[in-house]
Protein backbone atom coordinates (compact mmCIF):
# COMPACT_ATOMS: atom_id res chain seq x y z
CA MET A 1 -30.44 10.27 7.34
CA LYS A 2 -33.12 8.77 9.88
CA ILE A 3 -32.00 9.91 13.34
CA PRO A 4 -31.02 7.19 15.47
CA ALA A 5 -33.05 6.64 18.50
CA GLY A 6 -30.81 7.30 21.08
CA LEU A 7 -29.88 10.69 19.68
CA GLN A 8 -33.37 11.95 19.11
CA PRO A 9 -33.89 13.04 22.83
CA LEU A 10 -30.81 15.47 22.03
CA ILE A 11 -32.47 16.81 18.96
CA ASP A 12 -35.49 17.49 20.78
CA ASP A 13 -33.83 19.23 23.70
CA GLY A 14 -31.72 21.35 21.48
CA VAL A 15 -28.51 19.84 22.52
CA ILE A 16 -27.60 19.07 19.03
CA ASP A 17 -29.08 20.26 15.66
CA ALA A 18 -28.56 17.57 13.28
CA VAL A 19 -27.24 14.33 12.83
CA LEU A 20 -24.76 14.17 9.87
CA ARG A 21 -23.76 10.53 9.34
CA PRO A 22 -22.65 7.37 11.17
CA LEU A 23 -18.69 7.33 12.03
CA LYS A 24 -18.50 3.75 13.39
CA SER A 25 -20.17 1.11 15.32
CA GLY A 26 -18.66 -1.40 17.86
CA LYS A 27 -19.96 -3.80 20.49
CA GLU A 28 -20.07 -0.94 23.19
CA ALA A 29 -21.24 2.05 21.21
CA ALA A 30 -21.83 3.63 18.12
CA VAL A 31 -20.26 6.93 17.33
CA TYR A 32 -22.12 9.68 14.73
CA VAL A 33 -21.00 12.91 13.62
CA VAL A 34 -23.41 15.60 14.71
CA ARG A 35 -23.76 19.15 14.32
CA ARG A 36 -24.60 21.92 17.07
CA GLY A 37 -24.62 25.21 15.57
CA ASP A 38 -21.57 26.07 13.73
CA GLU A 39 -19.32 23.06 15.32
CA VAL A 40 -19.02 19.70 14.29
CA LEU A 41 -18.77 17.20 16.81
CA CYS A 42 -19.22 13.46 17.37
CA ALA A 43 -21.81 11.69 19.62
CA LYS A 44 -21.20 8.33 21.16
CA VAL A 45 -24.41 6.64 21.93
CA TYR A 46 -23.74 3.54 24.33
CA LYS A 47 -25.43 0.42 23.52
CA ASP A 48 -27.27 -1.49 26.28
CA MET A 49 -25.06 -4.52 27.60
CA GLY A 50 -26.53 -8.18 28.37
CA GLN A 51 -25.27 -10.25 31.25
CA ARG A 52 -22.84 -12.05 29.29
CA SER A 53 -20.96 -8.67 28.87
CA PHE A 54 -21.23 -7.82 32.49
CA GLN A 55 -19.21 -11.12 33.22
CA ALA A 56 -16.37 -10.10 30.47
CA ARG A 57 -16.10 -6.84 32.57
CA VAL A 58 -15.34 -8.44 36.00
CA GLN A 59 -11.53 -7.88 35.66
CA TYR A 60 -11.80 -4.32 34.80
CA GLU A 61 -14.11 -3.16 37.32
CA GLU A 62 -12.11 -4.63 40.19
CA GLY A 63 -11.10 -1.78 42.40
CA ARG A 64 -13.86 0.77 41.29
CA LYS A 65 -15.78 2.02 43.66
CA LEU A 66 -19.57 2.84 43.25
CA ARG A 67 -21.31 5.67 45.01
CA GLY A 68 -23.66 4.49 47.79
CA SER A 69 -23.65 1.30 49.98
CA ARG A 70 -27.11 0.44 48.37
CA LYS A 71 -25.80 0.40 44.60
CA ALA A 72 -23.01 -1.72 45.91
CA ARG A 73 -25.19 -4.16 47.37
CA ALA A 74 -27.57 -4.13 44.36
CA VAL A 75 -24.51 -4.97 42.15
CA GLY A 76 -23.15 -7.58 44.39
CA LYS A 77 -26.66 -9.38 44.06
CA ALA A 78 -26.87 -8.84 40.40
CA SER A 79 -30.70 -7.18 40.81
CA LYS A 80 -31.98 -5.71 38.06
CA PHE A 81 -31.36 -2.51 39.78
CA GLY A 82 -27.84 -3.47 40.30
CA LYS A 83 -27.54 -4.37 36.68
CA ARG A 84 -28.69 -0.90 35.56
CA GLU A 85 -26.12 0.65 38.07
CA GLN A 86 -23.36 -1.43 37.02
CA GLU A 87 -24.17 -0.26 33.21
CA ALA A 88 -24.44 3.37 34.38
CA ALA A 89 -21.07 3.10 36.33
CA TRP A 90 -19.52 1.75 33.05
CA LYS A 91 -20.39 4.71 30.84
CA ASN A 92 -19.72 6.93 33.83
CA THR A 93 -16.16 5.65 34.28
CA GLU A 94 -15.50 6.99 30.44
CA VAL A 95 -16.91 10.11 30.93
CA ASP A 96 -15.01 10.81 34.16
CA VAL A 97 -11.71 9.51 32.95
CA LEU A 98 -11.98 11.63 29.53
CA TYR A 99 -12.54 14.90 31.55
CA GLN A 100 -9.75 13.92 34.08
CA LEU A 101 -7.32 13.13 31.09
CA TYR A 102 -8.28 16.08 29.07
CA GLY A 103 -7.78 18.12 32.22
CA ALA A 104 -4.40 16.73 32.52
CA GLY A 105 -3.11 17.58 28.85
CA LEU A 106 -3.05 13.96 27.44
CA ARG A 107 -3.90 13.84 23.56
CA VAL A 108 -7.58 12.79 23.93
CA PRO A 109 -10.95 13.76 22.27
CA ARG A 110 -12.07 17.24 24.11
CA PRO A 111 -15.25 16.34 25.92
CA VAL A 112 -18.30 18.66 25.44
CA ASN A 113 -21.09 17.39 27.51
CA TYR A 114 -22.64 14.06 28.49
CA THR A 115 -26.88 13.69 28.45
CA ASN A 116 -29.25 11.00 28.04
CA GLY A 117 -26.56 8.29 27.92
CA VAL A 118 -24.76 9.83 24.87
CA LEU A 119 -21.23 11.48 25.04
CA LEU A 120 -20.50 14.68 23.08
CA MET A 121 -17.01 15.44 22.29
CA GLU A 122 -14.50 16.70 19.70
CA LEU A 123 -14.56 15.21 16.54
CA VAL A 124 -10.75 14.41 15.68
CA CYS A 125 -9.61 15.41 12.27
CA ASP A 126 -6.62 14.44 9.96
CA ALA A 127 -4.77 17.56 8.24
CA GLU A 128 -7.41 17.55 5.49
CA GLY A 129 -10.13 18.11 7.72
CA ARG A 130 -11.61 14.55 7.42
CA SER A 131 -12.08 12.15 10.51
CA ALA A 132 -9.15 11.02 11.68
CA PRO A 133 -8.07 7.51 10.87
CA ARG A 134 -7.03 4.94 13.14
CA LEU A 135 -3.50 3.90 13.98
CA ASP A 136 -4.04 0.49 12.64
CA ASP A 137 -5.38 2.06 9.19
CA ILE A 138 -2.26 3.93 8.26
CA ASP A 139 1.21 3.07 6.89
CA LEU A 140 4.26 4.68 8.57
CA GLU A 141 7.75 5.50 7.71
CA PRO A 142 10.20 4.09 10.31
CA GLN A 143 10.86 7.65 11.98
CA GLN A 144 7.15 8.62 12.08
CA ALA A 145 6.60 4.97 13.98
CA ARG A 146 9.37 6.12 16.34
CA ASP A 147 7.72 9.49 17.08
CA MET A 148 4.38 8.16 17.45
CA HIS A 149 5.38 5.04 19.88
CA ALA A 150 7.40 7.67 22.05
CA ALA A 151 4.40 9.97 22.27
CA LEU A 152 2.24 7.19 23.20
CA ILE A 153 4.48 6.01 25.76
CA ARG A 154 4.44 9.63 27.26
CA ASP A 155 0.96 9.37 27.77
CA VAL A 156 0.75 6.06 29.18
CA VAL A 157 3.14 6.93 31.87
CA ARG A 158 1.23 10.11 32.38
CA MET A 159 -1.84 7.97 32.70
CA LEU A 160 -0.08 5.53 35.15
CA CYS A 161 0.95 8.48 37.17
CA LEU A 162 -2.90 9.24 37.58
CA GLY A 163 -3.53 5.77 38.92
CA LEU A 164 -5.22 4.82 35.33
CA ILE A 165 -4.49 2.05 32.79
CA HIS A 166 -6.04 2.21 29.63
CA GLY A 167 -6.91 -1.50 29.70
CA ASP A 168 -7.48 -1.92 25.86
CA LEU A 169 -5.17 0.01 24.01
CA SER A 170 -3.97 -1.09 20.51
CA GLY A 171 -3.72 0.58 17.22
CA TYR A 172 -7.49 0.20 17.19
CA ASN A 173 -8.03 2.81 19.70
CA VAL A 174 -5.61 5.45 18.86
CA LEU A 175 -6.63 8.00 16.23
CA VAL A 176 -3.93 9.92 14.28
CA ASP A 177 -4.56 13.71 13.62
CA ALA A 178 -2.09 16.11 12.03
CA GLU A 179 -0.18 16.53 15.26
CA GLY A 180 0.12 12.88 16.10
CA PRO A 181 -1.79 10.13 18.10
CA VAL A 182 -4.91 10.58 20.03
CA LEU A 183 -6.19 8.10 22.72
CA ILE A 184 -9.68 7.05 22.63
CA ASP A 185 -12.12 4.68 24.26
CA PHE A 186 -11.84 4.48 27.89
CA PRO A 187 -15.01 2.52 29.56
CA GLN A 188 -12.90 -0.37 30.35
CA VAL A 189 -9.78 1.82 32.37
CA ILE A 190 -8.16 -0.02 35.12
CA ASN A 191 -7.44 1.23 38.39
CA ALA A 192 -3.53 0.96 38.84
CA THR A 193 -3.65 0.43 42.62
CA GLY A 194 -6.81 -1.57 43.15
CA ASN A 195 -6.85 -4.04 40.41
CA ASN A 196 -4.81 -7.34 40.66
CA SER A 197 -4.72 -7.33 36.65
CA ALA A 198 -3.21 -4.02 36.65
CA ARG A 199 0.39 -4.98 35.57
CA ALA A 200 -0.81 -7.75 33.28
CA MET A 201 -3.13 -5.13 31.54
CA LEU A 202 -0.56 -2.45 31.41
CA LEU A 203 2.03 -4.95 29.77
CA ARG A 204 -0.45 -5.94 27.30
CA ASP A 205 -1.21 -2.49 26.19
CA VAL A 206 2.43 -1.33 25.96
CA HIS A 207 3.20 -4.60 24.20
CA ASN A 208 0.10 -3.95 21.61
CA LEU A 209 2.01 -0.48 20.59
CA ARG A 210 5.13 -2.14 20.40
CA ARG A 211 3.74 -4.70 17.98
CA CYS A 212 1.93 -2.37 15.90
CA LEU A 213 4.88 0.28 15.65
CA GLY A 214 7.37 -2.20 15.59
CA ALA A 215 6.11 -3.42 12.01
CA TYR A 216 7.50 -0.15 10.80
CA ALA A 217 10.59 0.50 12.99
CA PRO A 218 11.57 -3.16 13.94
CA GLU A 219 14.04 -2.06 16.98
CA LEU A 220 11.06 -1.23 19.00
CA LYS A 221 10.28 -5.02 19.63
CA ASP A 222 13.39 -5.23 21.68
CA LEU A 223 12.31 -2.64 24.22
CA HIS A 224 10.41 -3.23 27.28
CA PHE A 225 8.82 0.10 28.32
CA GLY A 226 5.94 -1.54 29.84
CA GLU A 227 8.10 -3.29 32.49
CA GLU A 228 10.24 -0.49 33.20
CA MET A 229 7.25 1.66 33.94
CA TRP A 230 5.72 -0.83 36.23
CA ALA A 231 8.89 -1.18 38.13
CA LEU A 232 9.08 2.38 38.75
CA PHE A 233 5.43 2.64 39.61
CA GLU A 234 5.49 0.22 42.24
CA LYS A 235 8.61 1.78 43.76
CA GLY A 236 6.91 5.19 43.59
CA ASP A 237 9.55 6.56 41.52
CA LEU A 238 7.44 7.27 38.18
CA ARG A 239 7.16 10.66 37.13
CA PRO A 240 4.80 12.33 34.43
CA ASP A 241 8.09 13.61 32.65
CA HIS A 242 10.34 10.53 33.15
CA GLU A 243 12.47 9.56 30.41
CA LEU A 244 12.34 5.73 30.02
CA THR A 245 15.10 3.99 28.38
CA GLY A 246 12.99 0.88 27.45
CA LYS A 247 15.92 -1.43 28.90
CA PHE A 248 14.73 -3.49 31.54
CA VAL A 249 16.80 -6.46 33.41
CA PHE A 250 14.65 -9.37 34.00
CA ASP A 251 14.82 -11.61 37.21
CA GLU A 252 15.78 -15.03 36.00
CA HIS A 253 16.45 -16.35 39.45
CA THR A 254 14.71 -19.81 39.83
CA ALA A 255 12.02 -19.97 42.69
CA ASP A 256 12.93 -22.16 45.49
CA VAL A 257 9.74 -24.07 45.41
CA ASP A 258 10.54 -26.16 48.37
CA MET A 259 11.59 -22.82 50.66
CA VAL A 260 8.15 -21.33 49.51
CA LEU A 261 6.14 -24.46 50.43
CA TRP A 262 8.00 -24.81 53.81
CA SER A 263 7.27 -21.23 55.01
CA ILE A 264 3.72 -21.53 54.07
CA GLU A 265 3.69 -24.91 56.31
CA ASP A 266 5.23 -22.99 59.22
CA ALA A 267 3.10 -20.31 58.87
CA ARG A 268 0.02 -22.69 59.22
CA GLN A 269 1.45 -24.52 61.90
CA GLU A 270 2.28 -21.16 64.09
CA ALA A 271 -1.34 -19.99 63.24
CA LEU A 272 -2.81 -23.39 64.78
CA ILE A 273 -0.43 -23.17 67.93
CA ARG A 274 -1.92 -19.65 68.40
CA GLN A 275 -5.53 -20.71 68.01
CA GLN A 276 -4.82 -23.78 70.28
CA GLY A 277 -3.57 -21.34 72.87
CA ARG A 278 -6.45 -18.95 72.70
CA GLU A 279 -8.94 -21.83 73.25
CA GLU A 280 -7.09 -23.27 75.93
CA ALA A 281 -7.18 -19.77 77.35
CA ALA A 282 -10.78 -19.39 77.17
CA ALA A 283 -11.32 -22.82 78.59
CA GLY A 284 -9.38 -21.81 81.73
CA ASP A 285 -11.67 -18.83 82.34
């Protein structure tokens, strides 16, 4: 096959020996099966994203820190340099997170190398040695679905204990190999403690898994693992080995809107009085 432009530098530098075939292509990247020596790997070639995609990333990037004040200012001004740095940071996030999760023992592809904007990693295969299918593309027996759900919830918990939320988790971003589910695609990972959308993103991830696997094991649809783990996380009680129940008691109390508005107005009046006192003291001086 014709060598993609993004992979030609890796061929030229001897990082890989051959491009075997395309694996998949999405809005963020194209993935190819490649060979390095006797080892077959996959290569994720990131696509350059335009201004429209940058705007869509805002909620994911909240809470992330750029290295260097100059880079942060450039991103804030949306200069050409800033856009390049933002793009690089988006790609680097996936690389950094993949190494972190693999090192922590989560079921993710083994990272191999990152060079020239291309991420080399393990090719996840099924029991027959073929490229592993996505969770969305297979049918399951009820017990298989329960086991798969339990394994995925464990890894979501372990990610949350590291301060991370996948942010785009569904049956589309889970591969299934001979041993079970494998999480993939991490450029949009959420900072669990620095992003105002963290709870909503976590619940969306967990509910997506519940909906996908609940089609085969309907009792999963009545469980609330996302709400349970977030409540524990907020209190500082969540552990990587936490045995969750999926049972959660929702707060059904009606908010006292009048009391909330009164508290806001009371605080505003207090602030005005303090400000007036400071102005009078300054005039007296």
